[in-house]
Amino acid sequence: MAASIYMELGRIILLTDGEAHSPISRRWFTKMFVIGDVFCLLAQSGGGGLSAAGKTIGTKIVIVGLVLQIAVFLCFVAVATLFNMRIRRVPTPRSVDATVPWRRHMTVIYLSSGLIFLRSAVRLAEYAAGFTGYIYTHEWCLYLLDFVPMMVVAVMFVWVHPSEINAWLKGGKAMRGWIVQEHHSVPLDGRYAHVPLV
């Protein structure tokens, strides 16, 4: 889920012509966060494998992977917040166009980021407490603090689907709630102007 959020913000930056407002070049933006996320996931899975083999170092590697994942995610939230503040302070023509749906997508990014952070913090607490800790030994914690937040994130992304940003950039079909909409983008002065098909 985090990688999808990273890619969506990169596309929002492109859609709003807001690269000047991003503290990281859009070209490196998605690559940097996705590579960081993949590295953290590999560390966690490697640590989980060692832990399953009975090696205590495995749990420590998982904890390091989770801490790094939270750090990468917090850096992403800081970059997203800085971009959002800058583009609202000094808007681009595309960002003030009321028909461009970037604000709704930023709201979903913020809400889903909070839920993903909650889930990551719970997983960190679970591994830090060990296999005899409260979270690990009480299944309701995993349902309430792991499954429910991820389900809410999934529903938010169905309702405000990232394909809408892609359709604005490239044309084509996009989900909006449960409805598929057709969009068409045409070049205008080297940029894309959105024209909904009727």
C-alpha atoms as a PDB file:
ATOM      1  CA  MET A   1       0.000   0.000   0.000  1.00  0.00           C
ATOM      2  CA  ALA A   2       2.777   2.441   0.856  1.00  0.00           C
ATOM      3  CA  ALA A   3       4.354   2.082  -2.590  1.00  0.00           C
ATOM      4  CA  SER A   4       1.016   2.988  -4.191  1.00  0.00           C
ATOM      5  CA  ILE A   5       0.842   6.116  -2.071  1.00  0.00           C
ATOM      6  CA  TYR A   6       4.396   7.074  -3.041  1.00  0.00           C
ATOM      7  CA  MET A   7       3.573   6.699  -6.736  1.00  0.00           C
ATOM      8  CA  GLU A   8       0.307   8.611  -6.414  1.00  0.00           C
ATOM      9  CA  LEU A   9       1.980  11.641  -4.846  1.00  0.00           C
ATOM     10  CA  GLY A  10       4.557  11.637  -7.662  1.00  0.00           C
ATOM     11  CA  ARG A  11       1.703  11.741 -10.181  1.00  0.00           C
ATOM     12  CA  ILE A  12      -0.070  14.509  -8.241  1.00  0.00           C
ATOM     13  CA  ILE A  13       3.113  16.556  -8.443  1.00  0.00           C
ATOM     14  CA  LEU A  14       3.131  16.023 -12.213  1.00  0.00           C
ATOM     15  CA  LEU A  15      -0.604  16.731 -12.578  1.00  0.00           C
ATOM     16  CA  THR A  16      -0.396  20.045 -10.723  1.00  0.00           C
ATOM     17  CA  ASP A  17       2.832  21.131 -12.468  1.00  0.00           C
ATOM     18  CA  GLY A  18       4.158  21.342  -8.919  1.00  0.00           C
ATOM     19  CA  GLU A  19       7.657  19.928  -9.200  1.00  0.00           C
ATOM     20  CA  ALA A  20       9.118  23.276  -8.141  1.00  0.00           C
ATOM     21  CA  HIS A  21       7.212  22.877  -4.859  1.00  0.00           C
ATOM     22  CA  SER A  22       8.530  19.390  -4.122  1.00  0.00           C
ATOM     23  CA  PRO A  23      11.696  19.185  -2.004  1.00  0.00           C
ATOM     24  CA  ILE A  24      12.703  16.097  -4.028  1.00  0.00           C
ATOM     25  CA  SER A  25      12.823  15.951  -7.810  1.00  0.00           C
ATOM     26  CA  ARG A  26       9.814  14.081  -9.178  1.00  0.00           C
ATOM     27  CA  ARG A  27      12.188  11.942 -11.220  1.00  0.00           C
ATOM     28  CA  TRP A  28      13.765  10.547  -8.026  1.00  0.00           C
ATOM     29  CA  PHE A  29      10.763  10.881  -5.753  1.00  0.00           C
ATOM     30  CA  THR A  30       8.985   7.571  -6.386  1.00  0.00           C
ATOM     31  CA  LYS A  31      12.185   5.594  -6.943  1.00  0.00           C
ATOM     32  CA  MET A  32      13.707   6.736  -3.666  1.00  0.00           C
ATOM     33  CA  PHE A  33      10.691   5.901  -1.488  1.00  0.00           C
ATOM     34  CA  VAL A  34       9.805   2.638  -3.238  1.00  0.00           C
ATOM     35  CA  ILE A  35      13.414   1.383  -3.050  1.00  0.00           C
ATOM     36  CA  GLY A  36      13.518   2.335   0.651  1.00  0.00           C
ATOM     37  CA  ASP A  37      10.243   0.502   1.254  1.00  0.00           C
ATOM     38  CA  VAL A  38      11.392  -2.614  -0.635  1.00  0.00           C
ATOM     39  CA  PHE A  39      14.668  -2.656   1.318  1.00  0.00           C
ATOM     40  CA  CYS A  40      12.760  -2.471   4.607  1.00  0.00           C
ATOM     41  CA  LEU A  41      10.384  -5.260   3.542  1.00  0.00           C
ATOM     42  CA  LEU A  42      13.317  -7.465   2.527  1.00  0.00           C
ATOM     43  CA  ALA A  43      14.961  -6.857   5.905  1.00  0.00           C
ATOM     44  CA  GLN A  44      11.721  -7.772   7.671  1.00  0.00           C
ATOM     45  CA  SER A  45      11.192 -10.926   5.628  1.00  0.00           C
ATOM     46  CA  GLY A  46      14.830 -11.984   6.068  1.00  0.00           C
ATOM     47  CA  GLY A  47      14.567 -11.377   9.792  1.00  0.00           C
ATOM     48  CA  GLY A  48      11.293 -13.303   9.878  1.00  0.00           C
ATOM     49  CA  GLY A  49      12.964 -16.242   8.154  1.00  0.00           C
ATOM     50  CA  LEU A  50      15.826 -16.234  10.651  1.00  0.00           C
ATOM     51  CA  SER A  51      13.366 -15.911  13.508  1.00  0.00           C
ATOM     52  CA  ALA A  52      11.350 -18.880  12.206  1.00  0.00           C
ATOM     53  CA  ALA A  53      14.592 -20.878  12.109  1.00  0.00           C
ATOM     54  CA  GLY A  54      14.979 -20.212  15.832  1.00  0.00           C
ATOM     55  CA  LYS A  55      17.681 -17.544  15.618  1.00  0.00           C
ATOM     56  CA  THR A  56      17.106 -14.627  18.009  1.00  0.00           C
ATOM     57  CA  ILE A  57      18.903 -12.205  15.710  1.00  0.00           C
ATOM     58  CA  GLY A  58      15.935 -12.570  13.335  1.00  0.00           C
ATOM     59  CA  THR A  59      13.553 -10.677  15.605  1.00  0.00           C
ATOM     60  CA  LYS A  60      16.101  -7.881  15.988  1.00  0.00           C
ATOM     61  CA  ILE A  61      16.436  -7.623  12.188  1.00  0.00           C
ATOM     62  CA  VAL A  62      12.646  -7.456  11.850  1.00  0.00           C
ATOM     63  CA  ILE A  63      12.545  -4.642  14.429  1.00  0.00           C
ATOM     64  CA  VAL A  64      15.298  -2.728  12.576  1.00  0.00           C
ATOM     65  CA  GLY A  65      13.366  -3.220   9.321  1.00  0.00           C
ATOM     66  CA  LEU A  66      10.176  -1.885  10.918  1.00  0.00           C
ATOM     67  CA  VAL A  67      11.968   1.125  12.431  1.00  0.00           C
ATOM     68  CA  LEU A  68      13.521   1.923   9.042  1.00  0.00           C
ATOM     69  CA  GLN A  69      10.155   1.499   7.331  1.00  0.00           C
ATOM     70  CA  ILE A  70       8.546   3.935   9.768  1.00  0.00           C
ATOM     71  CA  ALA A  71      11.426   6.384   9.221  1.00  0.00           C
ATOM     72  CA  VAL A  72      11.051   6.191   5.423  1.00  0.00           C
ATOM     73  CA  PHE A  73       7.308   6.625   5.764  1.00  0.00           C
ATOM     74  CA  LEU A  74       7.655   9.653   8.058  1.00  0.00           C
ATOM     75  CA  CYS A  75      10.080  11.211   5.555  1.00  0.00           C
ATOM     76  CA  PHE A  76       7.460  10.681   2.856  1.00  0.00           C
ATOM     77  CA  VAL A  77       4.753  12.317   4.982  1.00  0.00           C
ATOM     78  CA  ALA A  78       7.082  15.270   5.623  1.00  0.00           C
ATOM     79  CA  VAL A  79       7.764  15.655   1.880  1.00  0.00           C
ATOM     80  CA  ALA A  80       4.032  15.375   1.080  1.00  0.00           C
ATOM     81  CA  THR A  81       3.160  17.957   3.724  1.00  0.00           C
ATOM     82  CA  LEU A  82       5.864  20.344   2.535  1.00  0.00           C
ATOM     83  CA  PHE A  83       4.713  19.987  -1.086  1.00  0.00           C
ATOM     84  CA  ASN A  84       1.084  20.565  -0.065  1.00  0.00           C
ATOM     85  CA  MET A  85       1.937  23.665   2.004  1.00  0.00           C
ATOM     86  CA  ARG A  86       4.101  25.145  -0.766  1.00  0.00           C
ATOM     87  CA  ILE A  87       1.600  24.590  -3.565  1.00  0.00           C
ATOM     88  CA  ARG A  88      -1.217  26.079  -1.496  1.00  0.00           C
ATOM     89  CA  ARG A  89       0.938  29.101  -0.629  1.00  0.00           C
ATOM     90  CA  VAL A  90       2.148  29.664  -4.222  1.00  0.00           C
ATOM     91  CA  PRO A  91      -0.317  27.772  -6.427  1.00  0.00           C
ATOM     92  CA  THR A  92       0.266  26.743 -10.019  1.00  0.00           C
ATOM     93  CA  PRO A  93      -2.453  27.341 -12.615  1.00  0.00           C
ATOM     94  CA  ARG A  94      -3.250  23.609 -12.649  1.00  0.00           C
ATOM     95  CA  SER A  95      -3.486  23.421  -8.849  1.00  0.00           C
ATOM     96  CA  VAL A  96      -6.168  26.134  -8.658  1.00  0.00           C
ATOM     97  CA  ASP A  97      -8.296  24.553 -11.388  1.00  0.00           C
ATOM     98  CA  ALA A  98     -11.313  23.316  -9.413  1.00  0.00           C
ATOM     99  CA  THR A  99     -11.876  20.448 -11.856  1.00  0.00           C
ATOM    100  CA  VAL A 100      -8.444  18.909 -11.175  1.00  0.00           C
ATOM    101  CA  PRO A 101      -9.054  16.397  -8.333  1.00  0.00           C
ATOM    102  CA  TRP A 102      -5.656  16.548  -6.629  1.00  0.00           C
ATOM    103  CA  ARG A 103      -6.934  17.885  -3.267  1.00  0.00           C
ATOM    104  CA  ARG A 104      -9.250  14.909  -2.758  1.00  0.00           C
ATOM    105  CA  HIS A 105      -6.351  12.561  -3.493  1.00  0.00           C
ATOM    106  CA  MET A 106      -4.064  14.408  -1.055  1.00  0.00           C
ATOM    107  CA  THR A 107      -6.716  13.978   1.652  1.00  0.00           C
ATOM    108  CA  VAL A 108      -6.769  10.225   0.992  1.00  0.00           C
ATOM    109  CA  ILE A 109      -2.961  10.143   1.074  1.00  0.00           C
ATOM    110  CA  TYR A 110      -2.962  11.835   4.496  1.00  0.00           C
ATOM    111  CA  LEU A 111      -5.697   9.619   5.950  1.00  0.00           C
ATOM    112  CA  SER A 112      -4.183   6.409   4.608  1.00  0.00           C
ATOM    113  CA  SER A 113      -0.723   7.497   5.782  1.00  0.00           C
ATOM    114  CA  GLY A 114      -2.065   7.870   9.314  1.00  0.00           C
ATOM    115  CA  LEU A 115      -3.614   4.397   9.208  1.00  0.00           C
ATOM    116  CA  ILE A 116      -0.502   2.796   7.715  1.00  0.00           C
ATOM    117  CA  PHE A 117       1.619   4.499  10.372  1.00  0.00           C
ATOM    118  CA  LEU A 118      -0.706   3.141  13.088  1.00  0.00           C
ATOM    119  CA  ARG A 119      -0.382  -0.372  11.660  1.00  0.00           C
ATOM    120  CA  SER A 120       3.419  -0.110  11.415  1.00  0.00           C
ATOM    121  CA  ALA A 121       3.696   1.185  14.988  1.00  0.00           C
ATOM    122  CA  VAL A 122       1.544  -1.709  16.236  1.00  0.00           C
ATOM    123  CA  ARG A 123       3.687  -4.232  14.359  1.00  0.00           C
ATOM    124  CA  LEU A 124       6.822  -2.658  15.862  1.00  0.00           C
ATOM    125  CA  ALA A 125       5.312  -2.877  19.356  1.00  0.00           C
ATOM    126  CA  GLU A 126       4.275  -6.488  18.664  1.00  0.00           C
ATOM    127  CA  TYR A 127       7.793  -7.590  17.692  1.00  0.00           C
ATOM    128  CA  ALA A 128       9.465  -5.512  20.411  1.00  0.00           C
ATOM    129  CA  ALA A 129       7.305  -7.188  23.080  1.00  0.00           C
ATOM    130  CA  GLY A 130       8.115 -10.645  21.696  1.00  0.00           C
ATOM    131  CA  PHE A 131       6.007 -13.730  21.179  1.00  0.00           C
ATOM    132  CA  THR A 132       4.719 -13.613  24.745  1.00  0.00           C
ATOM    133  CA  GLY A 133       3.694  -9.939  24.538  1.00  0.00           C
ATOM    134  CA  TYR A 134       0.105  -8.729  24.815  1.00  0.00           C
ATOM    135  CA  ILE A 135      -0.399  -7.887  21.138  1.00  0.00           C
ATOM    136  CA  TYR A 136       0.941 -11.224  19.934  1.00  0.00           C
ATOM    137  CA  THR A 137      -1.083 -13.266  22.423  1.00  0.00           C
ATOM    138  CA  HIS A 138      -4.381 -11.386  21.928  1.00  0.00           C
ATOM    139  CA  GLU A 139      -5.781 -11.874  18.461  1.00  0.00           C
ATOM    140  CA  TRP A 140      -8.253  -8.986  18.692  1.00  0.00           C
ATOM    141  CA  CYS A 141      -5.330  -6.553  18.628  1.00  0.00           C
ATOM    142  CA  LEU A 142      -4.269  -7.768  15.197  1.00  0.00           C
ATOM    143  CA  TYR A 143      -7.816  -7.542  13.846  1.00  0.00           C
ATOM    144  CA  LEU A 144      -8.481  -4.089  15.250  1.00  0.00           C
ATOM    145  CA  LEU A 145      -5.043  -2.517  14.748  1.00  0.00           C
ATOM    146  CA  ASP A 146      -3.805  -4.339  11.624  1.00  0.00           C
ATOM    147  CA  PHE A 147      -6.698  -5.667   9.538  1.00  0.00           C
ATOM    148  CA  VAL A 148      -9.196  -2.821  10.119  1.00  0.00           C
ATOM    149  CA  PRO A 149      -6.795   0.032   9.228  1.00  0.00           C
ATOM    150  CA  MET A 150      -5.667  -1.761   6.050  1.00  0.00           C
ATOM    151  CA  MET A 151      -9.275  -2.495   5.086  1.00  0.00           C
ATOM    152  CA  VAL A 152     -10.176   1.180   5.546  1.00  0.00           C
ATOM    153  CA  VAL A 153      -7.174   2.173   3.391  1.00  0.00           C
ATOM    154  CA  ALA A 154      -8.275  -0.270   0.681  1.00  0.00           C
ATOM    155  CA  VAL A 155     -11.837   1.098   0.722  1.00  0.00           C
ATOM    156  CA  MET A 156     -10.555   4.690   0.535  1.00  0.00           C
ATOM    157  CA  PHE A 157      -8.453   3.792  -2.498  1.00  0.00           C
ATOM    158  CA  VAL A 158     -11.442   2.137  -4.161  1.00  0.00           C
ATOM    159  CA  TRP A 159     -13.539   5.226  -3.533  1.00  0.00           C
ATOM    160  CA  VAL A 160     -10.835   7.741  -4.547  1.00  0.00           C
ATOM    161  CA  HIS A 161      -8.945   5.550  -6.994  1.00  0.00           C
ATOM    162  CA  PRO A 162      -5.407   6.510  -8.144  1.00  0.00           C
ATOM    163  CA  SER A 163      -6.430   5.704 -11.734  1.00  0.00           C
ATOM    164  CA  GLU A 164      -8.232   9.058 -11.745  1.00  0.00           C
ATOM    165  CA  ILE A 165      -4.888  10.888 -11.577  1.00  0.00           C
ATOM    166  CA  ASN A 166      -3.494   8.673 -14.342  1.00  0.00           C
ATOM    167  CA  ALA A 167      -6.553   9.351 -16.512  1.00  0.00           C
ATOM    168  CA  TRP A 168      -6.064  13.081 -16.061  1.00  0.00           C
ATOM    169  CA  LEU A 169      -2.431  12.753 -17.104  1.00  0.00           C
ATOM    170  CA  LYS A 170      -2.759  10.281 -19.973  1.00  0.00           C
ATOM    171  CA  GLY A 171      -6.434   9.967 -20.803  1.00  0.00           C
ATOM    172  CA  GLY A 172      -8.414   6.774 -20.502  1.00  0.00           C
ATOM    173  CA  LYS A 173     -10.719   5.184 -17.975  1.00  0.00           C
ATOM    174  CA  ALA A 174     -10.712   5.880 -14.264  1.00  0.00           C
ATOM    175  CA  MET A 175     -12.629   4.679 -11.252  1.00  0.00           C
ATOM    176  CA  ARG A 176     -14.550   7.211  -9.211  1.00  0.00           C
ATOM    177  CA  GLY A 177     -16.280   5.394  -6.418  1.00  0.00           C
ATOM    178  CA  TRP A 178     -17.953   2.432  -8.099  1.00  0.00           C
ATOM    179  CA  ILE A 179     -18.285   4.178 -11.477  1.00  0.00           C
ATOM    180  CA  VAL A 180     -15.868   3.971 -14.391  1.00  0.00           C
ATOM    181  CA  GLN A 181     -15.400   7.339 -16.110  1.00  0.00           C
ATOM    182  CA  GLU A 182     -13.723   8.041 -19.431  1.00  0.00           C
ATOM    183  CA  HIS A 183     -11.199  10.892 -19.578  1.00  0.00           C
ATOM    184  CA  HIS A 184      -9.324  12.347 -22.503  1.00  0.00           C
ATOM    185  CA  SER A 185      -6.212  14.490 -22.237  1.00  0.00           C
ATOM    186  CA  VAL A 186      -4.881  16.542 -25.116  1.00  0.00           C
ATOM    187  CA  PRO A 187      -1.508  18.331 -25.434  1.00  0.00           C
ATOM    188  CA  LEU A 188      -1.735  22.073 -24.918  1.00  0.00           C
ATOM    189  CA  ASP A 189       1.485  24.114 -24.996  1.00  0.00           C
ATOM    190  CA  GLY A 190       3.539  21.034 -24.071  1.00  0.00           C
ATOM    191  CA  ARG A 191       1.242  20.242 -21.149  1.00  0.00           C
ATOM    192  CA  TYR A 192      -1.928  18.215 -20.791  1.00  0.00           C
ATOM    193  CA  ALA A 193      -5.336  19.810 -20.597  1.00  0.00           C
ATOM    194  CA  HIS A 194      -8.165  17.672 -19.274  1.00  0.00           C
ATOM    195  CA  VAL A 195     -11.264  17.271 -21.403  1.00  0.00           C
ATOM    196  CA  PRO A 196     -13.903  14.868 -20.064  1.00  0.00           C
ATOM    197  CA  LEU A 197     -15.582  12.823 -22.788  1.00  0.00           C
ATOM    198  CA  VAL A 198     -19.358  13.073 -22.826  1.00  0.00           C
END
